[in-house]
C-alpha cells in the first residue's frame, strides 16, 4: 500500500473514533448506574422515558455543554448517573 492510503486509513479511524465518543456504552458506567437503579430493565425503562421527554420538550437538566453524550439516550443515562433523576419504588 502507498503511504497516502495508510495515512488516509489512520485518519479515517481517528475521526471515526473521535466522533463516536459517546455512541458506545462507555460512559456512564453500567456498574455505577446499577448502584443507583436496581435492575437493567428498570434502567432501560427510565432512560427511554427520559430520552423521549427530552426529544419532545427539549428540556435538559444540565447545561448542554456539560453533557458528554450528544444523543438523548446518553444524556438521560448521564442524568441518572448524576442523581438528577429520582427513582421511586412502587
Protein backbone atom coordinates (compact mmCIF):
# COMPACT_ATOMS: atom_id res chain seq x y z
CA UNK A 1 0.00 0.00 0.00
CA UNK A 2 1.10 3.52 -0.60
CA UNK A 3 1.82 5.92 2.24
CA UNK A 4 -1.19 8.01 1.23
CA UNK A 5 -3.57 5.07 1.65
CA UNK A 6 -2.10 4.23 5.05
CA UNK A 7 -2.40 7.85 6.21
CA UNK A 8 -5.96 8.07 4.91
CA UNK A 9 -6.84 4.86 6.74
CA UNK A 10 -5.34 6.11 10.02
CA UNK A 11 -7.09 9.47 9.66
CA UNK A 12 -10.42 7.77 9.00
CA UNK A 13 -10.04 5.56 12.06
CA UNK A 14 -9.12 8.58 14.22
CA UNK A 15 -12.07 10.67 13.02
CA UNK A 16 -14.43 7.72 13.40
CA UNK A 17 -13.26 7.06 16.97
CA UNK A 18 -13.46 10.76 17.86
CA UNK A 19 -17.00 11.16 16.52
CA UNK A 20 -18.21 8.01 18.27
CA UNK A 21 -17.01 9.25 21.66
CA UNK A 22 -20.27 8.52 23.44
CA UNK A 23 -22.06 6.29 20.94
CA UNK A 24 -20.88 3.23 22.80
CA UNK A 25 -21.88 2.48 26.36
CA UNK A 26 -18.62 3.52 28.00
CA UNK A 27 -19.92 6.50 29.90
CA UNK A 28 -21.63 6.39 32.28
CA UNK A 29 -20.51 3.02 33.52
CA UNK A 30 -23.18 0.34 33.78
CA UNK A 31 -21.77 -0.62 37.19
CA UNK A 32 -22.27 2.91 38.52
CA UNK A 33 -25.80 3.04 37.08
CA UNK A 34 -26.77 -0.30 38.62
CA UNK A 35 -25.75 1.03 42.05
CA UNK A 36 -28.46 3.67 41.58
CA UNK A 37 -31.12 1.57 39.83
CA UNK A 38 -31.88 -1.99 40.93
CA UNK A 39 -32.20 -3.72 37.55
CA UNK A 40 -31.10 -3.29 33.96
CA UNK A 41 -34.72 -3.45 32.80
CA UNK A 42 -35.74 -0.62 35.08
CA UNK A 43 -32.74 1.40 33.90
CA UNK A 44 -33.75 0.89 30.26
CA UNK A 45 -37.31 1.95 31.04
CA UNK A 46 -36.22 5.10 32.90
CA UNK A 47 -33.69 6.11 30.24
CA UNK A 48 -36.14 5.51 27.39
CA UNK A 49 -38.87 7.61 29.03
CA UNK A 50 -36.47 10.44 29.84
CA UNK A 51 -34.98 10.32 26.35
CA UNK A 52 -38.44 10.63 24.81
CA UNK A 53 -39.22 13.51 27.17
CA UNK A 54 -36.03 15.32 26.12
CA UNK A 55 -36.97 14.82 22.46
CA UNK A 56 -40.48 16.16 22.94
CA UNK A 57 -39.78 19.11 25.24
CA UNK A 58 -36.11 19.92 24.63
CA UNK A 59 -35.67 20.42 28.39
CA UNK A 60 -32.27 19.37 29.75
CA UNK A 61 -31.45 19.35 33.45
CA UNK A 62 -27.84 20.41 32.94
CA UNK A 63 -26.34 22.97 30.57
CA UNK A 64 -25.91 21.37 27.15
CA UNK A 65 -22.12 21.79 27.13
CA UNK A 66 -21.77 19.71 30.34
CA UNK A 67 -23.11 16.54 28.71
CA UNK A 68 -20.54 14.15 27.27
CA UNK A 69 -23.07 12.43 25.02
CA UNK A 70 -24.79 14.11 22.11
CA UNK A 71 -27.70 11.68 21.90
CA UNK A 72 -30.72 11.94 24.17
CA UNK A 73 -30.44 8.37 25.45
CA UNK A 74 -26.88 9.03 26.61
CA UNK A 75 -27.93 12.30 28.18
CA UNK A 76 -30.73 10.52 30.05
CA UNK A 77 -28.23 7.98 31.40
CA UNK A 78 -25.90 10.82 32.43
CA UNK A 79 -28.79 12.41 34.35
CA UNK A 80 -29.41 9.13 36.17
CA UNK A 81 -25.69 8.88 36.94
CA UNK A 82 -25.57 12.43 38.30
CA UNK A 83 -28.60 11.82 40.51
CA UNK A 84 -30.77 14.33 38.67
CA UNK A 85 -33.50 11.75 38.17
CA UNK A 86 -35.01 10.13 41.20
CA UNK A 87 -36.17 6.53 41.05
CA UNK A 88 -39.34 5.90 43.00
CA UNK A 89 -40.18 2.42 44.22
CA UNK A 90 -43.78 1.44 43.57
